Protein backbone atom coordinates (compact mmCIF):
# COMPACT_ATOMS: atom_id res chain seq x y z
CA MET A 1 -5.36 10.22 -12.81
CA ALA A 2 -4.56 13.91 -12.68
CA GLY A 3 -2.19 15.18 -15.33
CA CYS A 4 -0.16 18.36 -15.46
CA CYS A 5 -3.03 20.37 -16.88
CA SER A 6 -5.88 18.83 -14.92
CA PRO A 7 -6.78 19.61 -11.32
CA ALA A 8 -5.72 17.25 -8.56
CA PRO A 9 -8.36 14.78 -7.41
CA LYS A 10 -10.41 15.91 -4.43
CA SER A 11 -10.29 12.48 -2.86
CA LEU A 12 -7.64 9.93 -2.11
CA VAL A 13 -8.69 6.34 -1.48
CA ILE A 14 -6.00 4.14 0.03
CA GLU A 15 -6.77 0.44 0.32
CA THR A 16 -4.81 -2.32 2.01
CA THR A 17 -5.31 -6.04 1.75
CA VAL A 18 -3.65 -8.18 4.38
CA LEU A 19 -3.84 -11.82 5.43
CA ARG A 20 -6.33 -12.47 8.19
CA ALA A 21 -6.53 -15.96 9.67
CA ASP A 22 -8.48 -16.48 12.88
CA GLY A 23 -8.20 -12.75 13.62
CA GLN A 24 -4.42 -12.76 13.21
CA THR A 25 -2.22 -11.33 10.45
CA CYS A 26 1.31 -12.12 9.38
CA GLU A 27 4.16 -9.90 10.56
CA ARG A 28 4.88 -8.25 7.20
CA CYS A 29 1.19 -7.57 6.52
CA GLY A 30 0.93 -6.12 10.03
CA ASP A 31 3.91 -3.84 9.34
CA THR A 32 2.37 -2.69 6.05
CA VAL A 33 -1.02 -1.92 7.56
CA GLU A 34 0.59 0.04 10.40
CA ALA A 35 2.64 2.05 7.89
CA VAL A 36 -0.50 2.75 5.87
CA ARG A 37 -2.46 3.86 8.93
CA SER A 38 0.36 6.19 9.98
CA ALA A 39 0.70 7.62 6.46
CA VAL A 40 -3.06 8.17 6.24
CA ALA A 41 -3.04 10.12 9.51
CA GLN A 42 -0.19 12.29 8.23
CA LEU A 43 -1.88 12.78 4.85
CA GLU A 44 -5.18 13.75 6.47
CA ALA A 45 -3.42 16.43 8.51
CA VAL A 46 -1.88 17.94 5.37
CA LEU A 47 -4.58 17.35 2.76
CA THR A 48 -7.85 17.94 4.62
CA PRO A 49 -7.21 21.70 4.91
CA LEU A 50 -6.63 21.68 1.13
CA GLY A 51 -10.04 20.12 0.53
CA VAL A 52 -8.78 16.63 -0.27
CA ARG A 53 -10.68 13.81 1.45
CA VAL A 54 -8.50 10.84 2.48
CA THR A 55 -10.23 7.48 2.93
CA LEU A 56 -8.66 4.27 4.25
CA VAL A 57 -10.25 0.94 3.36
CA GLU A 58 -8.87 -2.27 4.85
CA HIS A 59 -9.57 -5.63 3.21
CA ALA A 60 -8.81 -9.10 4.51
CA ALA A 61 -7.12 -11.74 2.37
CA SER A 62 -7.54 -15.36 3.30
CA ALA A 63 -5.20 -18.31 2.96
CA ASP A 64 -7.01 -19.06 -0.32
CA ASN A 65 -5.95 -15.74 -1.87
CA LEU A 66 -2.49 -15.03 -0.45
CA ASP A 67 -1.54 -13.43 -3.78
CA ASP A 68 -3.74 -10.48 -2.77
CA SER A 69 -2.14 -10.05 0.64
CA ASN A 70 0.31 -7.35 1.68
CA SER A 71 -0.93 -4.96 -0.99
CA VAL A 72 -1.70 -1.25 -1.13
CA MET A 73 -3.84 0.47 -3.75
CA ILE A 74 -4.14 4.23 -4.15
CA ASN A 75 -7.01 5.59 -6.24
CA GLY A 76 -7.33 2.22 -7.96
CA ARG A 77 -3.66 1.68 -8.84
CA SER A 78 -1.08 -0.36 -6.99
CA LEU A 79 1.39 1.49 -4.81
CA GLU A 80 4.16 -0.17 -6.81
CA GLU A 81 2.94 1.63 -9.94
CA TRP A 82 2.90 4.99 -8.17
CA ILE A 83 6.44 4.67 -6.79
CA GLY A 84 8.10 2.81 -9.65
CA ALA A 85 8.57 -0.46 -7.75
CA GLU A 86 7.81 -4.11 -8.51
CA ARG A 87 5.68 -6.61 -6.60
CA VAL A 88 7.57 -9.82 -5.83
CA SER A 89 6.83 -12.88 -3.71
CA THR A 90 9.12 -14.26 -1.02
CA ASP A 91 8.95 -16.97 1.61
CA CYS A 92 6.98 -15.76 4.62
CA PRO A 93 7.38 -17.92 7.74
CA SER A 94 4.79 -15.78 9.54
CA CYS A 95 2.16 -16.54 6.88
CA GLY A 96 3.17 -20.18 7.06
CA ASP A 97 2.53 -20.21 10.80
CA LEU A 98 -0.94 -18.75 10.24
CA VAL A 99 -2.01 -21.03 7.39
CA GLY A 100 -0.29 -24.17 8.69
CA GLU A 101 2.03 -24.76 5.73
CA ALA A 102 4.91 -23.10 3.90
CA ALA A 103 3.69 -19.91 2.26
CA CYS A 104 4.91 -17.03 0.18
CA CYS A 105 3.73 -13.48 0.66
CA ALA A 106 4.09 -10.33 -1.39
CA ALA A 107 7.06 -8.04 -0.97
CA VAL A 108 8.17 -4.93 -2.83
CA SER A 109 11.32 -4.55 -4.91
CA VAL A 110 12.71 -1.06 -5.33
CA GLY A 111 15.80 -1.20 -7.50
CA GLU A 112 18.01 -3.90 -6.05
CA ILE A 113 16.37 -3.83 -2.61
CA VAL A 114 13.54 -6.17 -1.62
CA GLN A 115 11.44 -5.04 1.34
CA GLU A 116 8.92 -7.28 3.05
CA SER A 117 6.62 -4.37 3.92
CA PHE A 118 5.78 -0.93 2.61
CA SER A 119 7.06 2.10 4.50
CA VAL A 120 5.21 5.22 5.60
CA GLU A 121 7.37 7.22 3.16
CA GLN A 122 6.43 4.96 0.23
CA VAL A 123 2.72 5.32 0.99
CA ARG A 124 3.06 9.11 1.24
CA ASP A 125 5.06 9.27 -1.99
CA GLY A 126 2.45 7.17 -3.76
CA ALA A 127 -0.36 9.37 -2.45
CA PHE A 128 1.35 12.55 -3.61
CA ALA A 129 2.00 10.97 -7.02
CA ALA A 130 -1.69 10.04 -7.26
CA LEU A 131 -2.56 13.65 -6.58
CA GLY A 132 -0.13 14.83 -9.27
CA PHE A 133 2.47 16.17 -6.85
CA GLY A 134 5.41 14.22 -8.34
CA GLY A 135 6.62 10.65 -8.23
CA ALA A 136 6.41 7.87 -10.82
CA GLY A 137 2.77 8.55 -11.65
CA GLY A 138 2.84 12.35 -11.42
CA CYS A 139 3.97 15.08 -13.74
CA CYS A 140 6.20 17.26 -11.61
């Protein structure tokens, strides 16, 4: 992680893990992956001219490892860490439909608000924090 006195990393690796069952994903995982893809496109437009390489890696979680689903990692740390949020688990009817039984899926708690999916703004904020440009994991 870059500190106040060290240079910003020259690469940003953003990883998502979402439920995939028979080629389908749950609604909240789908919303998260779309937000991540949009944020990555925006980040590439801003960071590539600055010499920062942005890489998106998408992983599939299965019904056997639902705890890994609906997650975002930035340079090896969870997005929750970067933005000062907490990972929680809530009932997910969409996951249940895909796996054929009641299921819980990850959500994010920011203060008193629980969101089922990450937003574009949260992904961008986490990326900037990872680069040392402010946020929960940055110095500025």
